[in-house]
């Protein structure tokens, strides 16, 4: 394995593993953002600039902000974070299911023969993709942006309404 690939794997996997181990949701979300940025760097290293830029815009930018808003707006208190007795069984079932999926995926990957691509690589640049998206698909991009904004605002309103009714019930 080459040094850049090893470094990128480290940048991707370590923050994701630490995020799973932490109990603080904000720190876990920030580490997940670092992992997503590492995936974008992997795409840049592989020569897929457009996919890397999309990764940065969508996951590092939009999805991470939605996750942080959701965590900050729906969090009640530190007393709500206790372990339920049935959570150990759920964790064991999750690990068992994850191990089964990992075994199936590893079996599929290891049994698949590697072949060289017979078709030449496409010579589309990021500029050409951006021009195509902003020429023929401008309306689609604007509609998707409006839908994502409405969904984010709706989640904020729902979370604020639920938090307000919880505080009224307590008072």
N, C-alpha and C. Protein backbone atom coordinates (compact mmCIF):
# COMPACT_ATOMS: atom_id res chain seq x y z
N UNK A 1 0.85 -1.17 0.00
CA UNK A 1 0.00 0.00 0.00
C UNK A 1 0.89 1.23 0.00
N UNK A 2 0.53 2.21 -0.79
CA UNK A 2 1.37 3.40 -0.91
C UNK A 2 1.19 4.31 0.31
N UNK A 3 2.16 5.17 0.51
CA UNK A 3 2.15 6.08 1.67
C UNK A 3 0.96 7.05 1.65
N UNK A 4 0.64 7.68 0.49
CA UNK A 4 -0.53 8.58 0.51
C UNK A 4 -1.83 7.85 0.83
N UNK A 5 -1.99 6.64 0.31
CA UNK A 5 -3.21 5.89 0.57
C UNK A 5 -3.29 5.49 2.04
N UNK A 6 -2.17 5.13 2.63
CA UNK A 6 -2.14 4.78 4.05
C UNK A 6 -2.49 6.01 4.90
N UNK A 7 -1.93 7.16 4.54
CA UNK A 7 -2.22 8.39 5.26
C UNK A 7 -3.70 8.74 5.15
N UNK A 8 -4.27 8.62 3.94
CA UNK A 8 -5.69 8.94 3.75
C UNK A 8 -6.58 7.96 4.51
N UNK A 9 -6.20 6.69 4.52
CA UNK A 9 -6.98 5.71 5.28
C UNK A 9 -6.95 6.06 6.77
N UNK A 10 -5.80 6.50 7.25
CA UNK A 10 -5.68 6.93 8.65
C UNK A 10 -6.57 8.13 8.92
N UNK A 11 -6.59 9.11 8.00
CA UNK A 11 -7.39 10.32 8.16
C UNK A 11 -8.88 9.99 8.13
N UNK A 12 -9.27 8.97 7.40
CA UNK A 12 -10.68 8.59 7.29
C UNK A 12 -11.11 7.73 8.48
N UNK A 13 -10.33 6.72 8.81
CA UNK A 13 -10.76 5.72 9.78
C UNK A 13 -10.60 6.14 11.24
N UNK A 14 -9.54 6.84 11.57
CA UNK A 14 -9.31 7.20 12.98
C UNK A 14 -10.38 8.14 13.51
N UNK A 15 -10.72 9.24 12.82
CA UNK A 15 -11.81 10.08 13.35
C UNK A 15 -13.15 9.33 13.43
N UNK A 16 -13.43 8.46 12.47
CA UNK A 16 -14.68 7.71 12.51
C UNK A 16 -14.70 6.76 13.71
N UNK A 17 -13.59 6.09 13.98
CA UNK A 17 -13.52 5.18 15.12
C UNK A 17 -13.63 5.93 16.44
N UNK A 18 -12.96 7.06 16.55
CA UNK A 18 -13.03 7.85 17.78
C UNK A 18 -14.44 8.42 17.96
N UNK A 19 -15.09 8.81 16.87
CA UNK A 19 -16.46 9.33 16.95
C UNK A 19 -17.42 8.28 17.49
N UNK A 20 -17.20 7.03 17.12
CA UNK A 20 -18.07 5.96 17.62
C UNK A 20 -17.82 5.71 19.10
N UNK A 21 -16.63 5.97 19.59
CA UNK A 21 -16.30 5.68 20.98
C UNK A 21 -16.69 6.80 21.94
N UNK A 22 -16.84 8.01 21.44
CA UNK A 22 -17.14 9.14 22.32
C UNK A 22 -18.60 9.16 22.75
N UNK A 23 -18.86 9.74 23.91
CA UNK A 23 -20.23 9.89 24.39
C UNK A 23 -20.79 11.28 24.07
N UNK A 24 -19.94 12.23 23.74
CA UNK A 24 -20.38 13.58 23.43
C UNK A 24 -20.78 13.65 21.95
N UNK A 25 -22.05 13.95 21.69
CA UNK A 25 -22.54 13.96 20.31
C UNK A 25 -21.93 15.07 19.47
N UNK A 26 -21.67 16.21 20.07
CA UNK A 26 -21.08 17.32 19.31
C UNK A 26 -19.68 16.94 18.85
N UNK A 27 -18.87 16.39 19.74
CA UNK A 27 -17.52 15.98 19.36
C UNK A 27 -17.57 14.87 18.32
N UNK A 28 -18.50 13.95 18.46
CA UNK A 28 -18.64 12.88 17.47
C UNK A 28 -19.01 13.44 16.09
N UNK A 29 -19.91 14.42 16.07
CA UNK A 29 -20.30 15.03 14.79
C UNK A 29 -19.12 15.75 14.15
N UNK A 30 -18.32 16.44 14.96
CA UNK A 30 -17.15 17.13 14.41
C UNK A 30 -16.11 16.14 13.88
N UNK A 31 -15.93 15.03 14.56
CA UNK A 31 -15.01 14.00 14.06
C UNK A 31 -15.54 13.35 12.79
N UNK A 32 -16.85 13.22 12.70
CA UNK A 32 -17.43 12.68 11.47
C UNK A 32 -17.19 13.63 10.30
N UNK A 33 -17.21 14.92 10.55
CA UNK A 33 -16.89 15.90 9.50
C UNK A 33 -15.44 15.71 9.05
N UNK A 34 -14.53 15.47 9.97
CA UNK A 34 -13.14 15.23 9.61
C UNK A 34 -13.00 13.97 8.77
N UNK A 35 -13.76 12.95 9.10
CA UNK A 35 -13.72 11.71 8.32
C UNK A 35 -14.25 11.95 6.91
N UNK A 36 -15.35 12.71 6.79
CA UNK A 36 -15.89 13.03 5.46
C UNK A 36 -14.90 13.86 4.64
N UNK A 37 -14.17 14.75 5.29
CA UNK A 37 -13.15 15.52 4.59
C UNK A 37 -12.03 14.60 4.11
N UNK A 38 -11.69 13.59 4.89
CA UNK A 38 -10.71 12.61 4.45
C UNK A 38 -11.18 11.82 3.23
N UNK A 39 -12.46 11.51 3.18
CA UNK A 39 -13.01 10.82 2.01
C UNK A 39 -12.92 11.73 0.78
N UNK A 40 -13.19 13.02 0.97
CA UNK A 40 -13.04 13.96 -0.15
C UNK A 40 -11.58 14.02 -0.61
N UNK A 41 -10.64 13.99 0.32
CA UNK A 41 -9.22 13.98 -0.05
C UNK A 41 -8.88 12.70 -0.82
N UNK A 42 -9.48 11.60 -0.45
CA UNK A 42 -9.27 10.34 -1.18
C UNK A 42 -9.78 10.46 -2.62
N UNK A 43 -10.93 11.10 -2.78
CA UNK A 43 -11.45 11.31 -4.14
C UNK A 43 -10.52 12.20 -4.95
N UNK A 44 -9.99 13.26 -4.33
CA UNK A 44 -9.02 14.12 -5.02
C UNK A 44 -7.79 13.31 -5.42
N UNK A 45 -7.30 12.48 -4.51
CA UNK A 45 -6.11 11.66 -4.79
C UNK A 45 -6.38 10.69 -5.93
N UNK A 46 -7.61 10.18 -6.02
CA UNK A 46 -7.95 9.22 -7.07
C UNK A 46 -8.23 9.90 -8.41
N UNK A 47 -8.28 11.22 -8.45
CA UNK A 47 -8.50 11.92 -9.70
C UNK A 47 -9.95 12.23 -9.99
N UNK A 48 -10.83 12.05 -9.03
CA UNK A 48 -12.25 12.34 -9.21
C UNK A 48 -12.57 13.68 -8.55
N UNK A 49 -12.15 14.75 -9.20
CA UNK A 49 -12.27 16.07 -8.59
C UNK A 49 -13.71 16.48 -8.36
N UNK A 50 -14.59 16.18 -9.32
CA UNK A 50 -15.98 16.59 -9.18
C UNK A 50 -16.64 15.88 -8.00
N UNK A 51 -16.39 14.59 -7.85
CA UNK A 51 -16.96 13.83 -6.74
C UNK A 51 -16.39 14.37 -5.42
N UNK A 52 -15.12 14.74 -5.41
CA UNK A 52 -14.51 15.29 -4.20
C UNK A 52 -15.16 16.62 -3.82
N UNK A 53 -15.37 17.47 -4.80
CA UNK A 53 -16.02 18.75 -4.51
C UNK A 53 -17.47 18.55 -4.07
N UNK A 54 -18.16 17.59 -4.68
CA UNK A 54 -19.52 17.28 -4.24
C UNK A 54 -19.52 16.75 -2.82
N UNK A 55 -18.54 15.93 -2.47
CA UNK A 55 -18.40 15.41 -1.11
C UNK A 55 -18.24 16.55 -0.12
N UNK A 56 -17.40 17.52 -0.47
CA UNK A 56 -17.18 18.65 0.43
C UNK A 56 -18.45 19.48 0.56
N UNK A 57 -19.10 19.77 -0.55
CA UNK A 57 -20.30 20.61 -0.49
C UNK A 57 -21.45 19.92 0.23
N UNK A 58 -21.68 18.66 -0.09
CA UNK A 58 -22.86 17.98 0.44
C UNK A 58 -22.62 17.47 1.85
N UNK A 59 -21.59 16.65 2.04
CA UNK A 59 -21.40 16.04 3.36
C UNK A 59 -20.70 16.96 4.34
N UNK A 60 -19.56 17.51 3.96
CA UNK A 60 -18.82 18.35 4.90
C UNK A 60 -19.60 19.63 5.17
N UNK A 61 -20.29 20.14 4.17
CA UNK A 61 -21.05 21.37 4.36
C UNK A 61 -22.46 21.16 4.85
N UNK A 62 -23.33 20.62 4.00
CA UNK A 62 -24.76 20.58 4.29
C UNK A 62 -25.14 19.53 5.33
N UNK A 63 -24.74 18.30 5.13
CA UNK A 63 -25.16 17.23 6.04
C UNK A 63 -24.59 17.45 7.43
N UNK A 64 -23.36 17.90 7.51
CA UNK A 64 -22.78 18.14 8.84
C UNK A 64 -23.53 19.25 9.58
N UNK A 65 -23.96 20.27 8.88
CA UNK A 65 -24.72 21.33 9.54
C UNK A 65 -26.08 20.82 10.00
N UNK A 66 -26.73 19.97 9.20
CA UNK A 66 -28.01 19.39 9.61
C UNK A 66 -27.82 18.52 10.85
N UNK A 67 -26.76 17.72 10.87
CA UNK A 67 -26.50 16.87 12.03
C UNK A 67 -26.27 17.73 13.27
N UNK A 68 -25.46 18.77 13.14
CA UNK A 68 -25.19 19.63 14.29
C UNK A 68 -26.45 20.36 14.77
N UNK A 69 -27.28 20.85 13.83
CA UNK A 69 -28.54 21.48 14.22
C UNK A 69 -29.45 20.48 14.92
N UNK A 70 -29.55 19.28 14.38
CA UNK A 70 -30.42 18.27 14.99
C UNK A 70 -29.95 17.92 16.39
N UNK A 71 -28.65 17.78 16.58
CA UNK A 71 -28.13 17.43 17.90
C UNK A 71 -28.37 18.58 18.88
N UNK A 72 -28.09 19.80 18.45
CA UNK A 72 -28.23 20.93 19.36
C UNK A 72 -29.67 21.25 19.69
N UNK A 73 -30.59 21.02 18.75
CA UNK A 73 -31.97 21.40 18.98
C UNK A 73 -32.79 20.32 19.67
N UNK A 74 -32.38 19.08 19.58
CA UNK A 74 -33.18 18.01 20.17
C UNK A 74 -32.58 17.46 21.45
N UNK A 75 -31.47 17.95 21.86
CA UNK A 75 -30.81 17.47 23.07
C UNK A 75 -31.54 18.01 24.30
N UNK A 76 -31.84 17.12 25.24
CA UNK A 76 -32.60 17.55 26.41
C UNK A 76 -31.68 17.88 27.57
N UNK A 77 -31.05 16.87 28.14
CA UNK A 77 -30.13 17.11 29.25
C UNK A 77 -29.18 15.94 29.36
N UNK A 78 -28.21 16.06 30.22
CA UNK A 78 -27.24 14.98 30.40
C UNK A 78 -27.84 13.80 31.15
N UNK A 79 -28.93 14.00 31.85
CA UNK A 79 -29.55 12.88 32.58
C UNK A 79 -30.27 11.92 31.65
N UNK A 80 -30.58 12.35 30.43
CA UNK A 80 -31.26 11.49 29.46
C UNK A 80 -30.32 10.52 28.77
N UNK A 81 -29.03 10.59 29.06
CA UNK A 81 -28.07 9.78 28.33
C UNK A 81 -27.69 8.49 29.04
N UNK A 82 -28.48 8.05 30.03
CA UNK A 82 -28.17 6.82 30.75
C UNK A 82 -28.40 5.59 29.88
N UNK A 83 -27.77 4.49 30.29
CA UNK A 83 -27.92 3.23 29.56
C UNK A 83 -29.15 2.49 30.06
N UNK A 84 -29.94 1.98 29.15
CA UNK A 84 -31.06 1.12 29.51
C UNK A 84 -30.54 -0.31 29.61
N UNK A 85 -31.16 -1.15 30.43
CA UNK A 85 -30.67 -2.53 30.57
C UNK A 85 -30.68 -3.32 29.27
N UNK A 86 -31.63 -3.04 28.40
CA UNK A 86 -31.70 -3.79 27.14
C UNK A 86 -30.70 -3.28 26.10
N UNK A 87 -29.97 -2.22 26.38
CA UNK A 87 -29.04 -1.69 25.39
C UNK A 87 -27.85 -2.61 25.18
N UNK A 88 -27.47 -3.41 26.17
CA UNK A 88 -26.35 -4.33 26.00
C UNK A 88 -26.73 -5.41 24.98
N UNK A 89 -27.94 -5.90 25.06
CA UNK A 89 -28.41 -6.89 24.07
C UNK A 89 -28.48 -6.30 22.68
N UNK A 90 -28.92 -5.05 22.59
CA UNK A 90 -28.97 -4.38 21.28
C UNK A 90 -27.57 -4.18 20.72
N UNK A 91 -26.64 -3.81 21.57
CA UNK A 91 -25.27 -3.62 21.11
C UNK A 91 -24.69 -4.94 20.61
N UNK A 92 -24.95 -6.02 21.34
CA UNK A 92 -24.45 -7.33 20.90
C UNK A 92 -25.09 -7.74 19.57
N UNK A 93 -26.38 -7.50 19.42
CA UNK A 93 -27.06 -7.83 18.15
C UNK A 93 -26.51 -6.97 17.01
N UNK A 94 -26.23 -5.70 17.30
CA UNK A 94 -25.65 -4.83 16.27
C UNK A 94 -24.27 -5.27 15.85
N UNK A 95 -23.45 -5.66 16.83
CA UNK A 95 -22.11 -6.16 16.50
C UNK A 95 -22.19 -7.46 15.71
N UNK A 96 -23.12 -8.33 16.07
CA UNK A 96 -23.30 -9.58 15.35
C UNK A 96 -23.74 -9.33 13.90
N UNK A 97 -24.71 -8.43 13.72
CA UNK A 97 -25.18 -8.10 12.38
C UNK A 97 -24.07 -7.43 11.56
N UNK A 98 -23.32 -6.52 12.19
CA UNK A 98 -22.21 -5.87 11.49
C UNK A 98 -21.14 -6.85 11.09
N UNK A 99 -20.83 -7.80 11.97
CA UNK A 99 -19.84 -8.83 11.64
C UNK A 99 -20.31 -9.71 10.49
N UNK A 100 -21.62 -10.03 10.47
CA UNK A 100 -22.15 -10.83 9.36
C UNK A 100 -22.04 -10.08 8.04
N UNK A 101 -22.39 -8.80 8.05
CA UNK A 101 -22.29 -7.99 6.82
C UNK A 101 -20.83 -7.88 6.39
N UNK A 102 -19.92 -7.67 7.35
CA UNK A 102 -18.50 -7.59 7.03
C UNK A 102 -18.01 -8.89 6.42
N UNK A 103 -18.43 -10.02 6.97
CA UNK A 103 -18.03 -11.32 6.42
C UNK A 103 -18.53 -11.52 5.00
N UNK A 104 -19.77 -11.15 4.74
CA UNK A 104 -20.32 -11.29 3.39
C UNK A 104 -19.59 -10.39 2.41
N UNK A 105 -19.35 -9.13 2.81
CA UNK A 105 -18.63 -8.21 1.93
C UNK A 105 -17.20 -8.67 1.66
N UNK A 106 -16.50 -9.11 2.70
CA UNK A 106 -15.14 -9.60 2.49
C UNK A 106 -15.11 -10.83 1.59
N UNK A 107 -16.07 -11.74 1.78
CA UNK A 107 -16.16 -12.91 0.91
C UNK A 107 -16.39 -12.52 -0.54
N UNK A 108 -17.27 -11.53 -0.76
CA UNK A 108 -17.56 -11.09 -2.12
C UNK A 108 -16.34 -10.41 -2.74
N UNK A 109 -15.66 -9.57 -1.96
CA UNK A 109 -14.49 -8.86 -2.48
C UNK A 109 -13.35 -9.83 -2.79
N UNK A 110 -13.10 -10.74 -1.88
CA UNK A 110 -11.98 -11.67 -2.08
C UNK A 110 -12.24 -12.69 -3.18
N UNK A 111 -13.51 -13.01 -3.46
CA UNK A 111 -13.79 -13.99 -4.51
C UNK A 111 -13.94 -13.36 -5.89
N UNK A 112 -13.90 -12.02 -5.98
CA UNK A 112 -14.04 -11.34 -7.25
C UNK A 112 -12.67 -11.16 -7.89
N UNK A 113 -12.48 -11.66 -9.12
CA UNK A 113 -11.18 -11.47 -9.76
C UNK A 113 -11.02 -10.02 -10.25
N UNK A 114 -9.79 -9.52 -10.12
CA UNK A 114 -9.50 -8.17 -10.58
C UNK A 114 -9.23 -8.20 -12.07
N UNK A 115 -9.81 -7.24 -12.79
CA UNK A 115 -9.60 -7.15 -14.23
C UNK A 115 -9.25 -5.71 -14.58
N UNK A 116 -8.48 -5.56 -15.63
CA UNK A 116 -8.15 -4.23 -16.12
C UNK A 116 -9.33 -3.68 -16.91
N UNK A 117 -9.55 -2.38 -16.79
CA UNK A 117 -10.63 -1.75 -17.54
C UNK A 117 -10.28 -1.73 -19.02
N UNK A 118 -11.25 -2.10 -19.82
CA UNK A 118 -11.01 -2.14 -21.27
C UNK A 118 -11.42 -0.84 -21.96
N UNK A 119 -12.19 -0.04 -21.30
CA UNK A 119 -12.62 1.23 -21.90
C UNK A 119 -11.70 2.34 -21.42
N UNK A 120 -11.44 3.32 -22.26
CA UNK A 120 -10.58 4.43 -21.84
C UNK A 120 -11.30 5.31 -20.82
N UNK A 121 -10.52 5.98 -20.00
CA UNK A 121 -11.10 6.89 -19.02
C UNK A 121 -11.76 8.07 -19.71
N UNK A 122 -12.90 8.50 -19.21
CA UNK A 122 -13.54 9.67 -19.82
C UNK A 122 -12.69 10.92 -19.57
N UNK A 123 -12.76 11.82 -20.50
CA UNK A 123 -11.94 13.03 -20.40
C UNK A 123 -12.82 14.25 -20.10
N UNK A 124 -13.76 14.08 -19.20
CA UNK A 124 -14.63 15.19 -18.81
C UNK A 124 -13.98 15.90 -17.65
N UNK A 125 -13.90 17.20 -17.74
CA UNK A 125 -13.28 17.99 -16.67
C UNK A 125 -14.34 18.52 -15.72
N UNK A 126 -13.90 19.03 -14.58
CA UNK A 126 -14.82 19.61 -13.62
C UNK A 126 -15.50 20.84 -14.22
N UNK A 127 -14.78 21.60 -15.02
CA UNK A 127 -15.35 22.77 -15.68
C UNK A 127 -16.49 22.37 -16.60
N UNK A 128 -16.31 21.31 -17.37
CA UNK A 128 -17.37 20.85 -18.27
C UNK A 128 -18.59 20.35 -17.49
N UNK A 129 -18.35 19.64 -16.38
CA UNK A 129 -19.48 19.18 -15.57
C UNK A 129 -20.22 20.36 -14.94
N UNK A 130 -19.48 21.33 -14.42
CA UNK A 130 -20.11 22.51 -13.84
C UNK A 130 -20.89 23.31 -14.86
N UNK A 131 -20.35 23.45 -16.05
CA UNK A 131 -21.05 24.17 -17.12
C UNK A 131 -22.34 23.43 -17.50
N UNK A 132 -22.28 22.12 -17.58
CA UNK A 132 -23.46 21.32 -17.91
C UNK A 132 -24.53 21.45 -16.83
N UNK A 133 -24.08 21.38 -15.56
CA UNK A 133 -25.05 21.49 -14.47
C UNK A 133 -25.68 22.88 -14.41
N UNK A 134 -24.90 23.91 -14.65
CA UNK A 134 -25.42 25.26 -14.54
C UNK A 134 -26.09 25.75 -15.82
N UNK A 135 -26.04 24.97 -16.88
CA UNK A 135 -26.70 25.37 -18.12
C UNK A 135 -28.06 24.67 -18.24
N UNK A 136 -28.03 23.35 -18.36
CA UNK A 136 -29.28 22.61 -18.60
C UNK A 136 -30.00 22.23 -17.32
N UNK A 137 -29.29 22.14 -16.21
CA UNK A 137 -29.89 21.63 -14.98
C UNK A 137 -29.97 22.67 -13.87
N UNK A 138 -29.99 23.93 -14.22
CA UNK A 138 -30.02 24.99 -13.22
C UNK A 138 -31.29 24.92 -12.38
N UNK A 139 -32.42 24.71 -13.02
CA UNK A 139 -33.69 24.67 -12.30
C UNK A 139 -33.71 23.50 -11.32
N UNK A 140 -33.18 22.36 -11.74
CA UNK A 140 -33.14 21.20 -10.85
C UNK A 140 -32.29 21.49 -9.61
N UNK A 141 -31.15 22.12 -9.79
CA UNK A 141 -30.29 22.46 -8.66
C UNK A 141 -30.97 23.45 -7.72
N UNK A 142 -31.68 24.42 -8.27
CA UNK A 142 -32.38 25.39 -7.43
C UNK A 142 -33.52 24.72 -6.66
N UNK A 143 -34.26 23.83 -7.29
CA UNK A 143 -35.36 23.12 -6.61
C UNK A 143 -34.81 22.26 -5.48
N UNK A 144 -33.71 21.56 -5.72
CA UNK A 144 -33.11 20.74 -4.66
C UNK A 144 -32.63 21.62 -3.51
N UNK A 145 -32.03 22.77 -3.81
CA UNK A 145 -31.59 23.68 -2.76
C UNK A 145 -32.75 24.20 -1.93
N UNK A 146 -33.86 24.55 -2.59
CA UNK A 146 -35.05 25.03 -1.86
C UNK A 146 -35.62 23.91 -0.99
N UNK A 147 -35.70 22.69 -1.53
CA UNK A 147 -36.23 21.56 -0.75
C UNK A 147 -35.37 21.28 0.48
N UNK A 148 -34.05 21.32 0.33
CA UNK A 148 -33.18 21.09 1.48
C UNK A 148 -33.31 22.20 2.51
N UNK A 149 -33.47 23.43 2.07
CA UNK A 149 -33.65 24.55 3.00
C UNK A 149 -34.96 24.43 3.75
N UNK A 150 -36.04 24.07 3.04
CA UNK A 150 -37.35 23.90 3.69
C UNK A 150 -37.29 22.75 4.69
N UNK A 151 -36.61 21.66 4.33
CA UNK A 151 -36.49 20.52 5.25
C UNK A 151 -35.73 20.92 6.51
N UNK A 152 -34.66 21.69 6.35
CA UNK A 152 -33.88 22.13 7.51
C UNK A 152 -34.70 23.06 8.40
N UNK A 153 -35.40 24.02 7.80
CA UNK A 153 -36.23 24.92 8.58
C UNK A 153 -37.38 24.18 9.26
N UNK A 154 -37.96 23.21 8.56
CA UNK A 154 -39.02 22.41 9.17
C UNK A 154 -38.54 21.62 10.37
N UNK A 155 -37.35 21.05 10.26
CA UNK A 155 -36.81 20.31 11.41
C UNK A 155 -36.53 21.24 12.58
N UNK A 156 -36.08 22.46 12.31
CA UNK A 156 -35.84 23.43 13.39
C UNK A 156 -37.16 23.79 14.06
N UNK A 157 -38.21 24.02 13.28
CA UNK A 157 -39.51 24.39 13.84
C UNK A 157 -40.08 23.24 14.66
N UNK A 158 -39.99 22.02 14.16
CA UNK A 158 -40.50 20.86 14.89
C UNK A 158 -39.72 20.66 16.19
N UNK A 159 -38.40 20.76 16.12
CA UNK A 159 -37.59 20.58 17.33
C UNK A 159 -37.86 21.69 18.34
N UNK A 160 -38.01 22.92 17.88
CA UNK A 160 -38.28 24.03 18.80
C UNK A 160 -39.66 23.87 19.42
N UNK A 161 -40.66 23.41 18.65
CA UNK A 161 -42.01 23.21 19.18
C UNK A 161 -42.02 22.10 20.22
N UNK A 162 -41.33 20.98 19.95
CA UNK A 162 -41.27 19.88 20.91
C UNK A 162 -40.54 20.29 22.17
N UNK A 163 -39.47 21.05 22.04
CA UNK A 163 -38.72 21.50 23.20
C UNK A 163 -39.58 22.46 24.04
N UNK A 164 -40.33 23.33 23.36
CA UNK A 164 -41.21 24.26 24.08
C UNK A 164 -42.30 23.53 24.83
N UNK A 165 -42.93 22.51 24.24
CA UNK A 165 -43.98 21.76 24.95
C UNK A 165 -43.41 20.94 26.08
N UNK A 166 -42.17 20.44 25.96
CA UNK A 166 -41.54 19.70 27.06
C UNK A 166 -41.29 20.63 28.25
N UNK A 167 -40.87 21.86 27.98
CA UNK A 167 -40.59 22.80 29.06
C UNK A 167 -41.90 23.25 29.71
N UNK A 168 -43.00 23.38 28.92
CA UNK A 168 -44.29 23.75 29.49
C UNK A 168 -44.82 22.65 30.40
N UNK A 169 -44.61 21.37 29.97
CA UNK A 169 -45.07 20.25 30.79
C UNK A 169 -44.31 20.19 32.09
N UNK A 170 -43.02 20.53 32.07
CA UNK A 170 -42.20 20.47 33.29
C UNK A 170 -42.52 21.62 34.25
N UNK A 171 -42.99 22.77 33.70
CA UNK A 171 -43.19 23.96 34.52
C UNK A 171 -44.54 24.11 35.05
